[in-house]
């Protein structure tokens, strides 16, 4: 089906699921969103996009709209593989999304997220407003609610276009992450620019939870794709050991067989440890995997990320530090983030496309929450050191971001 036909089709489907259905004289009326009690922060955090909610309606139980707006700017001061100094400034609309959630037929839900901006200016391209692509389109069936599912607390089947959750940084929404950009190894593992088609099964029992999934290797669809280029098999298992400690194991084996590949590696695993008590917490991730490219882009890769954080002012001002090491057995087996070390630079600047065999980054930031994660300003300084076959690259990047959602 042509790409231009996908958006009207999916939008029409979403709208068809959101028309309140009257089930006779006893059906409850449409419930308006709560009125603003005078505290704008309370209003913002109270899901003001809830347009309809009625658990007794057999056809439509709820419809909610939401949105997120994320803008950021950066100044980079670096030295390229030839020892040449360079500096650049960037600003971009990082994410602008419209989101809907529809609960229908008692056991089903549809979560649809649309990207409404394509800001390619850091890479030397244009800024385009309006519908760009589907970020996610996931349809779920609550097996536990429908059939009971024995002792399990949760059992849910999902199908559609997903964000692929590898590493704790990616399990966290972009609305919640503590650094302005996720680490380079997290972006590598989850295929940051891709949204695969897949089917997953979520389950939980007590302090254990997990997800099993199969994802299509096909990566050329703006909506829900086909199953013609192999599959990737996914497992995520989490255990809340105590009130302070939680552990998460993510594993994927990629049996890709075509020209498309949303991952770019054969297999990968991430072991995550999360600690949080009072005002202090830390996230640590160990990574190992095998690239699927040939030559100096292939070989194995490994990484460590440690991110402690502390609430200087509880629920208001947060300090964050992150250290990342990533290494590869081949000379160009790992890569920096696209933002901003390998963004567009002045003519003649050579950063080897951000590829090398050893990467170190240090990040320090302050996040000020005006209204929790619903409205905050994030600031950070990141030092990057990359060893490449052509020479070493180093850079300091100063970042500031504004993020809000409802």
Protein backbone atom coordinates (compact mmCIF):
# COMPACT_ATOMS: atom_id res chain seq x y z
CA UNK A 1 0.00 0.00 0.00
CA UNK A 2 1.43 3.48 -0.82
CA UNK A 3 2.81 5.36 2.18
CA UNK A 4 0.46 8.30 1.69
CA UNK A 5 -2.52 6.01 2.26
CA UNK A 6 -1.34 4.67 5.61
CA UNK A 7 -1.98 7.79 7.66
CA UNK A 8 -5.64 8.28 6.65
CA UNK A 9 -6.26 4.55 7.12
CA UNK A 10 -4.81 4.42 10.62
CA UNK A 11 -6.31 7.74 11.64
CA UNK A 12 -9.69 6.57 10.45
CA UNK A 13 -9.27 3.39 12.49
CA UNK A 14 -8.35 5.37 15.59
CA UNK A 15 -11.32 7.68 15.12
CA UNK A 16 -13.68 4.76 14.62
CA UNK A 17 -12.58 3.37 17.96
CA UNK A 18 -13.14 6.67 19.73
CA UNK A 19 -16.76 7.44 18.85
CA UNK A 20 -18.82 6.96 22.02
CA UNK A 21 -21.39 4.19 21.52
CA UNK A 22 -24.70 4.41 23.38
CA UNK A 23 -25.66 1.00 24.68
CA UNK A 24 -29.26 1.80 25.47
CA UNK A 25 -30.97 4.04 28.02
CA UNK A 26 -28.62 3.03 30.86
CA UNK A 27 -25.41 4.02 29.04
CA UNK A 28 -23.39 6.62 30.93
CA UNK A 29 -22.93 10.03 29.28
CA UNK A 30 -19.59 11.23 27.99
CA UNK A 31 -17.53 12.47 30.91
CA UNK A 32 -15.67 15.72 30.43
CA UNK A 33 -12.08 16.12 31.60
CA UNK A 34 -11.78 17.43 35.17
CA UNK A 35 -11.98 21.19 35.47
CA UNK A 36 -8.86 23.09 36.49
CA UNK A 37 -8.97 23.48 40.30
CA UNK A 38 -6.71 26.53 40.09
CA UNK A 39 -3.36 24.73 40.35
CA UNK A 40 -1.99 24.44 36.80
CA UNK A 41 0.57 21.81 37.81
CA UNK A 42 -2.10 19.59 39.37
CA UNK A 43 -4.15 20.04 36.22
CA UNK A 44 -1.22 19.13 33.96
CA UNK A 45 -0.47 15.96 35.93
CA UNK A 46 -4.11 14.82 36.13
CA UNK A 47 -4.33 13.53 32.53
CA UNK A 48 -6.29 16.48 31.13
CA UNK A 49 -6.51 14.71 27.78
CA UNK A 50 -8.97 12.15 29.17
CA UNK A 51 -11.98 12.87 26.99
CA UNK A 52 -14.08 9.85 27.83
CA UNK A 53 -14.03 7.24 30.61
CA UNK A 54 -16.82 4.79 31.41
CA UNK A 55 -15.92 1.26 32.51
CA UNK A 56 -19.58 0.18 32.24
CA UNK A 57 -19.90 0.91 28.53
CA UNK A 58 -19.48 -2.47 26.80
CA UNK A 59 -18.11 -0.91 23.61
CA UNK A 60 -15.93 2.06 24.56
CA UNK A 61 -14.38 2.29 28.02
CA UNK A 62 -12.06 5.23 27.53
CA UNK A 63 -10.40 7.62 25.11
CA UNK A 64 -7.42 9.76 25.96
CA UNK A 65 -5.33 12.18 23.90
CA UNK A 66 -1.89 13.42 24.80
CA UNK A 67 1.14 15.13 23.40
CA UNK A 68 4.78 15.75 24.06
CA UNK A 69 7.01 18.65 23.05
CA UNK A 70 10.79 18.49 23.36
CA UNK A 71 13.14 21.22 22.19
CA UNK A 72 16.89 21.35 22.71
CA UNK A 73 20.00 23.28 21.76
CA UNK A 74 23.71 22.47 21.90
CA UNK A 75 27.14 24.02 21.47
CA UNK A 76 29.98 21.66 20.52
CA UNK A 77 33.71 22.37 20.82
CA UNK A 78 35.83 19.56 19.41
CA UNK A 79 39.02 18.29 17.83
CA UNK A 80 38.85 15.99 14.79
CA UNK A 81 41.03 13.04 13.71
CA UNK A 82 43.59 15.43 12.18
CA UNK A 83 43.89 17.56 15.31
CA UNK A 84 41.77 20.33 13.78
CA UNK A 85 39.70 22.38 16.23
CA UNK A 86 36.06 22.96 15.33
CA UNK A 87 32.90 24.22 16.97
CA UNK A 88 29.25 24.26 16.01
CA UNK A 89 25.87 25.25 17.40
CA UNK A 90 22.62 23.35 16.97
CA UNK A 91 19.01 23.67 17.89
CA UNK A 92 16.16 21.30 17.07
CA UNK A 93 12.63 20.28 17.84
CA UNK A 94 13.66 16.91 19.20
CA UNK A 95 10.23 15.33 19.54
CA UNK A 96 6.74 16.63 18.86
CA UNK A 97 4.09 13.94 19.11
CA UNK A 98 0.36 13.49 19.24
CA UNK A 99 -0.72 10.40 21.15
CA UNK A 100 -4.01 8.58 21.68
CA UNK A 101 -5.08 5.68 23.85
CA UNK A 102 -8.41 3.93 23.29
CA UNK A 103 -9.86 1.24 25.54
CA UNK A 104 -12.66 -0.71 23.87
CA UNK A 105 -14.65 -3.95 24.02
CA UNK A 106 -13.60 -4.41 27.68
CA UNK A 107 -10.39 -6.31 26.91
CA UNK A 108 -8.74 -4.33 24.08
CA UNK A 109 -6.71 -1.15 23.77
CA UNK A 110 -5.01 0.80 20.99
CA UNK A 111 -2.01 3.09 21.58
CA UNK A 112 -1.11 5.29 18.63
CA UNK A 113 1.65 7.93 18.58
CA UNK A 114 2.34 10.23 15.63
CA UNK A 115 5.53 12.19 14.99
CA UNK A 116 4.55 15.71 13.97
CA UNK A 117 7.94 17.20 13.10
CA UNK A 118 11.02 16.12 11.16
CA UNK A 119 13.87 18.42 12.15
CA UNK A 120 16.88 17.44 10.07
CA UNK A 121 18.82 20.68 10.58
CA UNK A 122 21.64 19.14 12.73
CA UNK A 123 22.39 16.85 9.75
CA UNK A 124 22.13 19.72 7.24
CA UNK A 125 18.57 18.94 6.15
CA UNK A 126 15.27 20.81 6.43
CA UNK A 127 12.78 21.43 9.23
CA UNK A 128 9.39 20.03 8.22
CA UNK A 129 6.23 20.44 10.33
CA UNK A 130 3.14 18.28 10.08
CA UNK A 131 2.61 14.53 10.04
CA UNK A 132 5.92 12.73 9.56
CA UNK A 133 5.48 9.11 10.65
CA UNK A 134 3.99 6.75 13.19
CA UNK A 135 6.17 6.49 16.27
CA UNK A 136 4.17 3.57 17.67
CA UNK A 137 0.90 1.82 16.85
CA UNK A 138 0.24 -1.03 19.30
CA UNK A 139 -2.98 -3.00 19.71
CA UNK A 140 -3.35 -5.02 22.93
CA UNK A 141 -5.56 -7.78 24.29
CA UNK A 142 -5.75 -8.23 28.08
CA UNK A 143 -5.77 -12.02 28.46
CA UNK A 144 -5.76 -11.84 32.25
CA UNK A 145 -8.87 -9.67 32.33
CA UNK A 146 -10.66 -11.77 29.70
CA UNK A 147 -9.89 -15.30 30.94
CA UNK A 148 -8.30 -15.04 34.37
CA UNK A 149 -4.91 -16.61 33.42
CA UNK A 150 -4.44 -18.47 36.70
CA UNK A 151 -2.05 -17.04 39.30
CA UNK A 152 -0.49 -14.40 37.03
CA UNK A 153 -1.02 -10.75 37.91
CA UNK A 154 -0.61 -9.63 34.29
CA UNK A 155 -0.95 -11.42 30.96
CA UNK A 156 -1.28 -9.25 27.86
CA UNK A 157 -0.77 -9.84 24.14
CA UNK A 158 0.39 -6.94 21.93
CA UNK A 159 0.81 -6.51 18.19
CA UNK A 160 1.92 -3.58 16.07
CA UNK A 161 4.72 -1.06 15.64
CA UNK A 162 6.90 -0.89 18.76
CA UNK A 163 9.69 0.95 20.43
CA UNK A 164 12.24 -1.85 20.97
CA UNK A 165 13.21 -1.89 24.67
CA UNK A 166 16.87 -2.76 25.21
CA UNK A 167 18.63 -1.33 28.32
CA UNK A 168 16.99 0.44 31.24
CA UNK A 169 17.50 3.82 29.55
CA UNK A 170 15.19 2.65 26.76
CA UNK A 171 12.65 1.04 29.08
CA UNK A 172 12.28 4.61 30.38
CA UNK A 173 10.23 6.91 28.16
CA UNK A 174 11.89 9.95 26.63
CA UNK A 175 9.56 11.88 28.96
CA UNK A 176 11.38 10.39 31.96
CA UNK A 177 15.07 9.93 31.05
CA UNK A 178 17.62 11.76 33.18
CA UNK A 179 20.05 12.78 30.41
CA UNK A 180 19.11 14.87 27.39
CA UNK A 181 20.21 12.05 25.08
CA UNK A 182 20.42 8.37 25.93
CA UNK A 183 23.89 6.82 25.88
CA UNK A 184 25.33 5.73 22.54
CA UNK A 185 25.24 2.05 23.50
CA UNK A 186 21.55 2.26 24.44
CA UNK A 187 20.77 3.89 21.10
CA UNK A 188 22.72 1.17 19.28
CA UNK A 189 20.94 -1.69 21.03
CA UNK A 190 17.41 -0.49 20.49
CA UNK A 191 17.83 0.78 16.93
CA UNK A 192 17.08 4.37 17.86
CA UNK A 193 15.73 5.50 14.49
CA UNK A 194 13.61 2.41 13.85
CA UNK A 195 10.27 1.03 14.98
CA UNK A 196 9.89 -2.66 14.16
CA UNK A 197 6.67 -4.61 13.67
CA UNK A 198 6.28 -7.30 16.29
CA UNK A 199 4.17 -9.37 18.65
CA UNK A 200 4.88 -9.48 22.41
CA UNK A 201 3.49 -11.23 25.45
CA UNK A 202 3.72 -9.39 28.79
CA UNK A 203 3.42 -11.29 32.08
CA UNK A 204 3.92 -10.53 35.75
CA UNK A 205 3.74 -12.48 39.00
CA UNK A 206 4.59 -10.83 42.26
CA UNK A 207 8.00 -9.18 42.03
CA UNK A 208 8.75 -10.83 38.66
CA UNK A 209 7.76 -9.42 35.27
CA UNK A 210 8.81 -10.12 31.73
CA UNK A 211 8.18 -9.83 28.01
CA UNK A 212 8.63 -12.35 25.22
CA UNK A 213 8.61 -11.00 21.68
CA UNK A 214 9.18 -11.74 18.02
CA UNK A 215 9.94 -8.80 15.71
CA UNK A 216 10.11 -8.56 11.95
CA UNK A 217 13.45 -7.79 10.35
CA UNK A 218 11.62 -5.73 7.73
CA UNK A 219 12.38 -2.06 8.25
CA UNK A 220 10.85 -0.13 5.35
CA UNK A 221 7.34 0.64 6.59
CA UNK A 222 5.96 3.88 8.04
CA UNK A 223 3.20 1.96 9.80
CA UNK A 224 2.95 -1.78 10.55
CA UNK A 225 5.27 -3.74 8.27
CA UNK A 226 5.43 -7.26 6.88
CA UNK A 227 7.37 -10.37 7.86
CA UNK A 228 9.57 -10.98 4.82
CA UNK A 229 13.12 -10.35 6.09
CA UNK A 230 13.65 -12.69 9.01
CA UNK A 231 12.88 -12.20 12.68
CA UNK A 232 14.45 -11.03 15.92
CA UNK A 233 13.64 -12.96 19.12
CA UNK A 234 13.42 -10.94 22.31
CA UNK A 235 13.31 -11.59 26.06
CA UNK A 236 13.17 -9.10 28.91
CA UNK A 237 13.02 -10.33 32.50
CA UNK A 238 12.83 -8.09 35.58
CA UNK A 239 12.91 -8.79 39.31
CA UNK A 240 12.28 -6.31 42.11
CA UNK A 241 14.56 -7.84 44.73
CA UNK A 242 13.90 -5.27 47.48
CA UNK A 243 12.28 -1.85 47.76
CA UNK A 244 15.64 -0.36 46.69
CA UNK A 245 16.96 -2.86 44.13
CA UNK A 246 15.62 -3.97 40.77
CA UNK A 247 17.38 -6.06 38.09
CA UNK A 248 16.50 -6.31 34.39
CA UNK A 249 17.94 -8.67 31.78
CA UNK A 250 17.34 -7.85 28.09
CA UNK A 251 18.33 -10.26 25.33
CA UNK A 252 17.78 -10.31 21.56
CA UNK A 253 18.87 -12.78 18.88
CA UNK A 254 18.57 -11.38 15.37
CA UNK A 255 17.85 -13.90 12.60
CA UNK A 256 17.71 -11.27 9.88
CA UNK A 257 17.62 -12.58 6.32
CA UNK A 258 16.99 -9.63 4.00
CA UNK A 259 18.37 -6.25 3.05
CA UNK A 260 16.41 -4.53 5.82
CA UNK A 261 17.54 -4.81 9.43
CA UNK A 262 16.27 -2.57 12.21
CA UNK A 263 19.02 -3.67 14.63
CA UNK A 264 22.31 -3.90 12.74
CA UNK A 265 23.76 -6.62 14.98
CA UNK A 266 23.39 -10.41 15.32
CA UNK A 267 22.71 -10.57 19.02
CA UNK A 268 22.92 -8.36 22.06
CA UNK A 269 22.32 -8.53 25.78
CA UNK A 270 22.07 -5.91 28.51
CA UNK A 271 22.11 -6.59 32.26
CA UNK A 272 20.70 -3.65 34.21
CA UNK A 273 20.87 -2.96 37.94
CA UNK A 274 18.73 -0.15 39.36
CA UNK A 275 19.09 1.18 42.90
CA UNK A 276 17.03 3.96 44.44
CA UNK A 277 16.61 5.04 48.06
CA UNK A 278 15.46 8.38 49.37
CA UNK A 279 17.15 11.08 47.25
CA UNK A 280 19.90 8.93 45.74
CA UNK A 281 19.81 6.38 42.97
CA UNK A 282 21.90 4.83 40.23
CA UNK A 283 21.42 2.84 37.04
CA UNK A 284 24.17 0.52 35.78
CA UNK A 285 24.17 -1.45 32.53
CA UNK A 286 26.56 -4.10 31.18
CA UNK A 287 26.34 -4.84 27.45
CA UNK A 288 27.75 -7.46 25.09
CA UNK A 289 26.92 -8.34 21.50
CA UNK A 290 28.04 -9.19 17.98
CA UNK A 291 27.76 -6.92 14.95
CA UNK A 292 26.43 -8.37 11.70
CA UNK A 293 28.45 -6.17 9.33
CA UNK A 294 31.58 -7.41 7.56
CA UNK A 295 35.16 -6.19 7.87
CA UNK A 296 36.13 -3.43 10.26
CA UNK A 297 32.43 -2.63 10.96
CA UNK A 298 31.81 -6.13 12.34
CA UNK A 299 33.15 -8.13 15.25
CA UNK A 300 32.00 -8.10 18.85
CA UNK A 301 31.14 -5.10 21.02
CA UNK A 302 30.86 -4.54 24.77
CA UNK A 303 30.00 -1.63 27.02
CA UNK A 304 29.43 -0.33 30.52
CA UNK A 305 27.16 2.55 31.51
CA UNK A 306 26.85 3.90 35.07
CA UNK A 307 24.45 6.75 35.88
CA UNK A 308 24.10 7.95 39.50
CA UNK A 309 21.59 10.71 40.31
CA UNK A 310 20.70 12.76 43.37
CA UNK A 311 17.78 15.03 44.25
CA UNK A 312 19.40 18.24 45.54
CA UNK A 313 15.91 19.60 46.16
CA UNK A 314 13.46 16.72 46.47
CA UNK A 315 11.19 16.36 43.42
CA UNK A 316 12.49 19.67 42.07
CA UNK A 317 16.25 19.86 41.32
CA UNK A 318 18.06 16.70 40.21
CA UNK A 319 21.80 16.21 39.60
CA UNK A 320 22.85 13.48 37.15
CA UNK A 321 26.23 11.99 36.24
CA UNK A 322 26.82 9.39 33.53
CA UNK A 323 29.92 7.48 32.48
CA UNK A 324 29.91 5.29 29.39
CA UNK A 325 32.58 3.01 27.96
CA UNK A 326 32.03 1.11 24.71
CA UNK A 327 34.58 -1.03 22.91
CA UNK A 328 34.73 -3.25 19.84
CA UNK A 329 36.99 -5.99 18.49
CA UNK A 330 37.08 -4.31 15.07
CA UNK A 331 38.40 -0.85 14.32
CA UNK A 332 34.99 0.69 13.55
CA UNK A 333 32.68 -1.61 15.50
CA UNK A 334 31.06 1.05 17.70
CA UNK A 335 29.75 4.54 17.05
CA UNK A 336 28.98 7.79 18.85
CA UNK A 337 25.48 9.21 19.04
CA UNK A 338 24.33 11.12 15.99
CA UNK A 339 23.81 14.12 18.28
CA UNK A 340 26.10 15.98 18.08
CA UNK A 341 29.62 14.70 17.53
CA UNK A 342 28.75 13.23 14.12
CA UNK A 343 26.23 15.88 13.07
CA UNK A 344 27.02 18.31 10.27
CA UNK A 345 30.27 20.24 10.77
CA UNK A 346 32.30 22.80 8.89
CA UNK A 347 33.88 21.75 5.59
CA UNK A 348 37.01 19.67 6.08
CA UNK A 349 36.18 18.45 9.60
CA UNK A 350 36.69 14.67 9.84
CA UNK A 351 35.24 12.68 12.76
CA UNK A 352 35.33 9.35 10.83
CA UNK A 353 31.50 9.33 10.84
CA UNK A 354 31.64 8.77 14.59
CA UNK A 355 32.99 5.21 14.17
CA UNK A 356 35.83 3.68 16.15
CA UNK A 357 36.83 0.87 18.50
CA UNK A 358 36.82 2.65 21.86
CA UNK A 359 34.42 5.30 23.14
CA UNK A 360 34.37 7.09 26.48
CA UNK A 361 31.77 9.68 27.48
CA UNK A 362 31.30 11.66 30.69
CA UNK A 363 28.06 13.57 31.28
CA UNK A 364 27.08 15.90 34.13
CA UNK A 365 23.69 17.56 34.24
CA UNK A 366 21.07 19.40 36.27
CA UNK A 367 17.35 18.94 35.70
CA UNK A 368 14.83 21.38 37.13
CA UNK A 369 11.29 20.03 37.41
CA UNK A 370 8.63 22.73 37.45
CA UNK A 371 5.91 20.09 37.45
CA UNK A 372 7.51 16.66 37.71
CA UNK A 373 8.40 15.18 34.33
CA UNK A 374 5.40 16.97 32.84
CA UNK A 375 7.36 20.23 32.63
CA UNK A 376 11.11 20.51 33.11
CA UNK A 377 14.33 22.09 31.89
CA UNK A 378 17.38 19.87 31.44
CA UNK A 379 21.00 21.00 31.18
CA UNK A 380 24.14 18.98 30.63
CA UNK A 381 27.81 18.93 29.64
CA UNK A 382 29.21 15.86 27.89
CA UNK A 383 32.82 14.99 27.14
CA UNK A 384 33.38 12.49 24.31
CA UNK A 385 36.59 10.65 23.44
CA UNK A 386 36.62 8.30 20.45
CA UNK A 387 39.51 6.21 19.08
CA UNK A 388 39.26 5.71 15.32
CA UNK A 389 41.60 4.15 12.73
CA UNK A 390 42.17 7.64 11.33
CA UNK A 391 42.99 9.27 14.68
CA UNK A 392 41.33 10.36 17.90
CA UNK A 393 38.24 12.56 18.18
CA UNK A 394 37.36 14.54 21.31
CA UNK A 395 34.60 17.03 22.03
CA UNK A 396 32.80 18.96 24.74
CA UNK A 397 29.08 19.40 24.15
CA UNK A 398 26.98 21.87 26.16
CA UNK A 399 23.26 21.05 26.08
CA UNK A 400 19.99 22.54 27.24
CA UNK A 401 16.52 21.11 26.70
CA UNK A 402 12.89 21.96 27.43
CA UNK A 403 10.42 19.09 27.80
CA UNK A 404 6.73 18.94 28.52
CA UNK A 405 3.86 16.51 28.00
CA UNK A 406 0.26 15.96 28.99
